[in-house]
Amino acid sequence: MTKPRILISEDEIIIAEDLAACLEELGYQTCAIDSGESTLDMIRAMQPDLVLLDVNLKGDIDGIEIGSKIR
């Protein structure tokens, strides 16, 4: 059985690492990204089961816009 994949889009490194560590302890596969543009590319490549989006991301695209694009 494969582990569910969770993509974490968070520009605060400490928060992203803490979330990833907690989720990995629970048996999830995680990947953390720190910008909106990279998030969209990684969603296409990774096809995660869940995406956790920070609303205020660095870059030109914020979490709200990413959410509307992946919906």
PDB file of N, CA and C in Angstrom:
ATOM      1  N   MET A   1       0.845  -1.182   0.000  1.00  0.00           N
ATOM      2  CA  MET A   1       0.000   0.000   0.000  1.00  0.00           C
ATOM      3  C   MET A   1       0.889   1.245   0.000  1.00  0.00           C
ATOM      4  N   THR A   2       0.595   2.187  -0.893  1.00  0.00           N
ATOM      5  CA  THR A   2       1.391   3.406  -0.965  1.00  0.00           C
ATOM      6  C   THR A   2       0.912   4.419   0.066  1.00  0.00           C
ATOM      7  N   LYS A   3       1.848   5.225   0.519  1.00  0.00           N
ATOM      8  CA  LYS A   3       1.521   6.258   1.489  1.00  0.00           C
ATOM      9  C   LYS A   3       0.818   7.409   0.777  1.00  0.00           C
ATOM     10  N   PRO A   4      -0.214   7.995   1.398  1.00  0.00           N
ATOM     11  CA  PRO A   4      -0.834   9.186   0.812  1.00  0.00           C
ATOM     12  C   PRO A   4       0.194  10.316   0.724  1.00  0.00           C
ATOM     13  N   ARG A   5       0.141  11.076  -0.370  1.00  0.00           N
ATOM     14  CA  ARG A   5       1.092  12.158  -0.611  1.00  0.00           C
ATOM     15  C   ARG A   5       0.466  13.504  -0.253  1.00  0.00           C
ATOM     16  N   ILE A   6       1.188  14.277   0.557  1.00  0.00           N
ATOM     17  CA  ILE A   6       0.726  15.606   0.950  1.00  0.00           C
ATOM     18  C   ILE A   6       1.774  16.627   0.538  1.00  0.00           C
ATOM     19  N   LEU A   7       1.341  17.632  -0.197  1.00  0.00           N
ATOM     20  CA  LEU A   7       2.208  18.726  -0.604  1.00  0.00           C
ATOM     21  C   LEU A   7       1.957  19.898   0.337  1.00  0.00           C
ATOM     22  N   ILE A   8       3.019  20.410   0.935  1.00  0.00           N
ATOM     23  CA  ILE A   8       2.925  21.538   1.857  1.00  0.00           C
ATOM     24  C   ILE A   8       3.489  22.766   1.149  1.00  0.00           C
ATOM     25  N   SER A   9       2.654  23.780   0.966  1.00  0.00           N
ATOM     26  CA  SER A   9       3.088  25.021   0.339  1.00  0.00           C
ATOM     27  C   SER A   9       3.123  26.090   1.429  1.00  0.00           C
ATOM     28  N   GLU A  10       4.317  26.341   1.939  1.00  0.00           N
ATOM     29  CA  GLU A  10       4.504  27.228   3.089  1.00  0.00           C
ATOM     30  C   GLU A  10       5.859  27.917   2.947  1.00  0.00           C
ATOM     31  N   ASP A  11       5.876  29.258   3.052  1.00  0.00           N
ATOM     32  CA  ASP A  11       7.135  29.977   2.892  1.00  0.00           C
ATOM     33  C   ASP A  11       7.917  30.167   4.194  1.00  0.00           C
ATOM     34  N   GLU A  12       7.342  29.817   5.315  1.00  0.00           N
ATOM     35  CA  GLU A  12       8.071  29.831   6.587  1.00  0.00           C
ATOM     36  C   GLU A  12       8.675  28.442   6.789  1.00  0.00           C
ATOM     37  N   ILE A  13       9.988  28.343   6.665  1.00  0.00           N
ATOM     38  CA  ILE A  13      10.670  27.048   6.664  1.00  0.00           C
ATOM     39  C   ILE A  13      10.422  26.254   7.940  1.00  0.00           C
ATOM     40  N   ILE A  14      10.442  26.907   9.076  1.00  0.00           N
ATOM     41  CA  ILE A  14      10.245  26.204  10.350  1.00  0.00           C
ATOM     42  C   ILE A  14       8.856  25.571  10.413  1.00  0.00           C
ATOM     43  N   ILE A  15       7.857  26.295   9.959  1.00  0.00           N
ATOM     44  CA  ILE A  15       6.487  25.774   9.965  1.00  0.00           C
ATOM     45  C   ILE A  15       6.374  24.597   8.997  1.00  0.00           C
ATOM     46  N   ALA A  16       6.934  24.741   7.803  1.00  0.00           N
ATOM     47  CA  ALA A  16       6.874  23.671   6.807  1.00  0.00           C
ATOM     48  C   ALA A  16       7.559  22.405   7.311  1.00  0.00           C
ATOM     49  N   GLU A  17       8.731  22.561   7.917  1.00  0.00           N
ATOM     50  CA  GLU A  17       9.456  21.393   8.429  1.00  0.00           C
ATOM     51  C   GLU A  17       8.707  20.725   9.581  1.00  0.00           C
ATOM     52  N   ASP A  18       8.102  21.519  10.452  1.00  0.00           N
ATOM     53  CA  ASP A  18       7.339  20.966  11.572  1.00  0.00           C
ATOM     54  C   ASP A  18       6.117  20.203  11.062  1.00  0.00           C
ATOM     55  N   LEU A  19       5.394  20.790  10.121  1.00  0.00           N
ATOM     56  CA  LEU A  19       4.236  20.103   9.528  1.00  0.00           C
ATOM     57  C   LEU A  19       4.658  18.795   8.866  1.00  0.00           C
ATOM     58  N   ALA A  20       5.734  18.851   8.093  1.00  0.00           N
ATOM     59  CA  ALA A  20       6.212  17.657   7.396  1.00  0.00           C
ATOM     60  C   ALA A  20       6.602  16.565   8.386  1.00  0.00           C
ATOM     61  N   ALA A  21       7.308  16.929   9.450  1.00  0.00           N
ATOM     62  CA  ALA A  21       7.727  15.940  10.448  1.00  0.00           C
ATOM     63  C   ALA A  21       6.525  15.283  11.121  1.00  0.00           C
ATOM     64  N   CYS A  22       5.542  16.076  11.498  1.00  0.00           N
ATOM     65  CA  CYS A  22       4.331  15.536  12.142  1.00  0.00           C
ATOM     66  C   CYS A  22       3.576  14.597  11.204  1.00  0.00           C
ATOM     67  N   LEU A  23       3.434  15.007   9.953  1.00  0.00           N
ATOM     68  CA  LEU A  23       2.702  14.191   8.987  1.00  0.00           C
ATOM     69  C   LEU A  23       3.448  12.901   8.650  1.00  0.00           C
ATOM     70  N   GLU A  24       4.764  12.970   8.568  1.00  0.00           N
ATOM     71  CA  GLU A  24       5.549  11.767   8.278  1.00  0.00           C
ATOM     72  C   GLU A  24       5.465  10.766   9.427  1.00  0.00           C
ATOM     73  N   GLU A  25       5.403  11.266  10.663  1.00  0.00           N
ATOM     74  CA  GLU A  25       5.216  10.369  11.819  1.00  0.00           C
ATOM     75  C   GLU A  25       3.875   9.645  11.740  1.00  0.00           C
ATOM     76  N   LEU A  26       2.899  10.286  11.118  1.00  0.00           N
ATOM     77  CA  LEU A  26       1.577   9.684  10.966  1.00  0.00           C
ATOM     78  C   LEU A  26       1.480   8.776   9.738  1.00  0.00           C
ATOM     79  N   GLY A  27       2.576   8.669   8.978  1.00  0.00           N
ATOM     80  CA  GLY A  27       2.612   7.742   7.860  1.00  0.00           C
ATOM     81  C   GLY A  27       2.378   8.340   6.487  1.00  0.00           C
ATOM     82  N   TYR A  28       2.447   9.660   6.371  1.00  0.00           N
ATOM     83  CA  TYR A  28       2.248  10.308   5.084  1.00  0.00           C
ATOM     84  C   TYR A  28       3.590  10.603   4.423  1.00  0.00           C
ATOM     85  N   GLN A  29       3.568  10.654   3.108  1.00  0.00           N
ATOM     86  CA  GLN A  29       4.727  11.101   2.330  1.00  0.00           C
ATOM     87  C   GLN A  29       4.529  12.591   2.095  1.00  0.00           C
ATOM     88  N   THR A  30       5.538  13.407   2.386  1.00  0.00           N
ATOM     89  CA  THR A  30       5.372  14.850   2.254  1.00  0.00           C
ATOM     90  C   THR A  30       6.423  15.458   1.334  1.00  0.00           C
ATOM     91  N   CYS A  31       6.083  16.633   0.847  1.00  0.00           N
ATOM     92  CA  CYS A  31       7.002  17.457   0.073  1.00  0.00           C
ATOM     93  C   CYS A  31       6.642  18.897   0.421  1.00  0.00           C
ATOM     94  N   ALA A  32       7.642  19.730   0.695  1.00  0.00           N
ATOM     95  CA  ALA A  32       7.395  21.127   1.049  1.00  0.00           C
ATOM     96  C   ALA A  32       7.946  22.051  -0.036  1.00  0.00           C
ATOM     97  N   ILE A  33       7.163  23.062  -0.373  1.00  0.00           N
ATOM     98  CA  ILE A  33       7.509  24.048  -1.394  1.00  0.00           C
ATOM     99  C   ILE A  33       7.325  25.426  -0.772  1.00  0.00           C
ATOM    100  N   ASP A  34       8.164  26.393  -1.164  1.00  0.00           N
ATOM    101  CA  ASP A  34       8.077  27.703  -0.512  1.00  0.00           C
ATOM    102  C   ASP A  34       7.574  28.852  -1.391  1.00  0.00           C
ATOM    103  N   SER A  35       7.158  28.591  -2.619  1.00  0.00           N
ATOM    104  CA  SER A  35       6.627  29.671  -3.455  1.00  0.00           C
ATOM    105  C   SER A  35       5.451  29.167  -4.292  1.00  0.00           C
ATOM    106  N   GLY A  36       4.611  30.102  -4.675  1.00  0.00           N
ATOM    107  CA  GLY A  36       3.418  29.748  -5.440  1.00  0.00           C
ATOM    108  C   GLY A  36       3.707  29.129  -6.793  1.00  0.00           C
ATOM    109  N   GLU A  37       4.681  29.693  -7.500  1.00  0.00           N
ATOM    110  CA  GLU A  37       5.010  29.177  -8.825  1.00  0.00           C
ATOM    111  C   GLU A  37       5.517  27.734  -8.730  1.00  0.00           C
ATOM    112  N   SER A  38       6.357  27.461  -7.759  1.00  0.00           N
ATOM    113  CA  SER A  38       6.885  26.108  -7.570  1.00  0.00           C
ATOM    114  C   SER A  38       5.788  25.139  -7.156  1.00  0.00           C
ATOM    115  N   THR A  39       4.820  25.637  -6.417  1.00  0.00           N
ATOM    116  CA  THR A  39       3.714  24.789  -5.967  1.00  0.00           C
ATOM    117  C   THR A  39       2.934  24.247  -7.156  1.00  0.00           C
ATOM    118  N   LEU A  40       2.613  25.100  -8.099  1.00  0.00           N
ATOM    119  CA  LEU A  40       1.858  24.645  -9.275  1.00  0.00           C
ATOM    120  C   LEU A  40       2.642  23.605 -10.069  1.00  0.00           C
ATOM    121  N   ASP A  41       3.939  23.820 -10.235  1.00  0.00           N
ATOM    122  CA  ASP A  41       4.775  22.849 -10.947  1.00  0.00           C
ATOM    123  C   ASP A  41       4.815  21.513 -10.202  1.00  0.00           C
ATOM    124  N   MET A  42       4.952  21.567  -8.884  1.00  0.00           N
ATOM    125  CA  MET A  42       5.048  20.342  -8.091  1.00  0.00           C
ATOM    126  C   MET A  42       3.716  19.595  -8.057  1.00  0.00           C
ATOM    127  N   ILE A  43       2.607  20.309  -8.072  1.00  0.00           N
ATOM    128  CA  ILE A  43       1.294  19.653  -8.118  1.00  0.00           C
ATOM    129  C   ILE A  43       1.181  18.830  -9.397  1.00  0.00           C
ATOM    130  N   ARG A  44       1.617  19.406 -10.499  1.00  0.00           N
ATOM    131  CA  ARG A  44       1.564  18.680 -11.773  1.00  0.00           C
ATOM    132  C   ARG A  44       2.460  17.442 -11.750  1.00  0.00           C
ATOM    133  N   ALA A  45       3.648  17.579 -11.171  1.00  0.00           N
ATOM    134  CA  ALA A  45       4.611  16.474 -11.162  1.00  0.00           C
ATOM    135  C   ALA A  45       4.271  15.406 -10.129  1.00  0.00           C
ATOM    136  N   MET A  46       3.892  15.817  -8.932  1.00  0.00           N
ATOM    137  CA  MET A  46       3.695  14.892  -7.818  1.00  0.00           C
ATOM    138  C   MET A  46       2.285  14.303  -7.771  1.00  0.00           C
ATOM    139  N   GLN A  47       1.310  15.049  -8.237  1.00  0.00           N
ATOM    140  CA  GLN A  47      -0.107  14.684  -8.141  1.00  0.00           C
ATOM    141  C   GLN A  47      -0.451  14.228  -6.720  1.00  0.00           C
ATOM    142  N   PRO A  48      -0.323  15.165  -5.754  1.00  0.00           N
ATOM    143  CA  PRO A  48      -0.555  14.808  -4.355  1.00  0.00           C
ATOM    144  C   PRO A  48      -2.023  14.499  -4.072  1.00  0.00           C
ATOM    145  N   ASP A  49      -2.244  13.768  -2.981  1.00  0.00           N
ATOM    146  CA  ASP A  49      -3.600  13.477  -2.535  1.00  0.00           C
ATOM    147  C   ASP A  49      -4.215  14.667  -1.810  1.00  0.00           C
ATOM    148  N   LEU A  50      -3.358  15.506  -1.218  1.00  0.00           N
ATOM    149  CA  LEU A  50      -3.801  16.674  -0.466  1.00  0.00           C
ATOM    150  C   LEU A  50      -2.753  17.769  -0.600  1.00  0.00           C
ATOM    151  N   VAL A  51      -3.208  19.026  -0.712  1.00  0.00           N
ATOM    152  CA  VAL A  51      -2.300  20.170  -0.746  1.00  0.00           C
ATOM    153  C   VAL A  51      -2.661  21.091   0.407  1.00  0.00           C
ATOM    154  N   LEU A  52      -1.685  21.381   1.261  1.00  0.00           N
ATOM    155  CA  LEU A  52      -1.860  22.349   2.340  1.00  0.00           C
ATOM    156  C   LEU A  52      -1.260  23.662   1.877  1.00  0.00           C
ATOM    157  N   LEU A  53      -2.098  24.693   1.749  1.00  0.00           N
ATOM    158  CA  LEU A  53      -1.670  25.969   1.189  1.00  0.00           C
ATOM    159  C   LEU A  53      -1.637  27.083   2.229  1.00  0.00           C
ATOM    160  N   ASP A  54      -0.518  27.779   2.286  1.00  0.00           N
ATOM    161  CA  ASP A  54      -0.425  29.012   3.044  1.00  0.00           C
ATOM    162  C   ASP A  54      -1.106  30.083   2.196  1.00  0.00           C
ATOM    163  N   VAL A  55      -1.896  30.938   2.798  1.00  0.00           N
ATOM    164  CA  VAL A  55      -2.586  31.972   2.035  1.00  0.00           C
ATOM    165  C   VAL A  55      -1.595  33.004   1.505  1.00  0.00           C
ATOM    166  N   ASN A  56      -0.645  33.429   2.330  1.00  0.00           N
ATOM    167  CA  ASN A  56       0.325  34.457   1.934  1.00  0.00           C
ATOM    168  C   ASN A  56       1.661  33.809   1.595  1.00  0.00           C
ATOM    169  N   LEU A  57       1.863  33.518   0.327  1.00  0.00           N
ATOM    170  CA  LEU A  57       3.113  32.925  -0.142  1.00  0.00           C
ATOM    171  C   LEU A  57       3.964  33.986  -0.813  1.00  0.00           C
ATOM    172  N   LYS A  58       5.282  33.796  -0.785  1.00  0.00           N
ATOM    173  CA  LYS A  58       6.137  34.719  -1.529  1.00  0.00           C
ATOM    174  C   LYS A  58       5.993  34.415  -3.021  1.00  0.00           C
ATOM    175  N   GLY A  59       6.201  35.426  -3.823  1.00  0.00           N
ATOM    176  CA  GLY A  59       6.056  35.260  -5.265  1.00  0.00           C
ATOM    177  C   GLY A  59       4.813  35.962  -5.779  1.00  0.00           C
ATOM    178  N   ASP A  60       4.519  35.734  -7.035  1.00  0.00           N
ATOM    179  CA  ASP A  60       3.405  36.417  -7.683  1.00  0.00           C
ATOM    180  C   ASP A  60       2.054  35.753  -7.438  1.00  0.00           C
ATOM    181  N   ILE A  61       2.055  34.486  -7.035  1.00  0.00           N
ATOM    182  CA  ILE A  61       0.810  33.747  -6.851  1.00  0.00           C
ATOM    183  C   ILE A  61       0.643  33.420  -5.370  1.00  0.00           C
ATOM    184  N   ASP A  62      -0.525  33.722  -4.795  1.00  0.00           N
ATOM    185  CA  ASP A  62      -0.759  33.389  -3.394  1.00  0.00           C
ATOM    186  C   ASP A  62      -1.566  32.100  -3.279  1.00  0.00           C
ATOM    187  N   GLY A  63      -1.778  31.645  -2.057  1.00  0.00           N
ATOM    188  CA  GLY A  63      -2.481  30.387  -1.820  1.00  0.00           C
ATOM    189  C   GLY A  63      -3.922  30.388  -2.308  1.00  0.00           C
ATOM    190  N   ILE A  64      -4.580  31.534  -2.250  1.00  0.00           N
ATOM    191  CA  ILE A  64      -5.966  31.636  -2.731  1.00  0.00           C
ATOM    192  C   ILE A  64      -6.019  31.377  -4.233  1.00  0.00           C
ATOM    193  N   GLU A  65      -5.116  31.999  -4.966  1.00  0.00           N
ATOM    194  CA  GLU A  65      -5.083  31.825  -6.432  1.00  0.00           C
ATOM    195  C   GLU A  65      -4.714  30.383  -6.803  1.00  0.00           C
ATOM    196  N   ILE A  66      -3.761  29.802  -6.085  1.00  0.00           N
ATOM    197  CA  ILE A  66      -3.396  28.423  -6.347  1.00  0.00           C
ATOM    198  C   ILE A  66      -4.593  27.502  -6.106  1.00  0.00           C
ATOM    199  N   GLY A  67      -5.295  27.731  -5.002  1.00  0.00           N
ATOM    200  CA  GLY A  67      -6.472  26.929  -4.695  1.00  0.00           C
ATOM    201  C   GLY A  67      -7.520  26.999  -5.783  1.00  0.00           C
ATOM    202  N   SER A  68      -7.732  28.173  -6.332  1.00  0.00           N
ATOM    203  CA  SER A  68      -8.727  28.294  -7.405  1.00  0.00           C
ATOM    204  C   SER A  68      -8.254  27.608  -8.687  1.00  0.00           C
ATOM    205  N   LYS A  69      -6.941  27.590  -8.926  1.00  0.00           N
ATOM    206  CA  LYS A  69      -6.420  26.942 -10.131  1.00  0.00           C
ATOM    207  C   LYS A  69      -6.468  25.424 -10.034  1.00  0.00           C
ATOM    208  N   ILE A  70      -6.220  24.868  -8.846  1.00  0.00           N
ATOM    209  CA  ILE A  70      -6.203  23.410  -8.725  1.00  0.00           C
ATOM    210  C   ILE A  70      -7.590  22.831  -8.516  1.00  0.00           C
ATOM    211  N   ARG A  71      -8.517  23.657  -8.164  1.00  0.00           N
ATOM    212  CA  ARG A  71      -9.885  23.203  -7.953  1.00  0.00           C
ATOM    213  C   ARG A  71     -10.448  22.744  -9.266  1.00  0.00           C
TER     214      ARG A  71
END
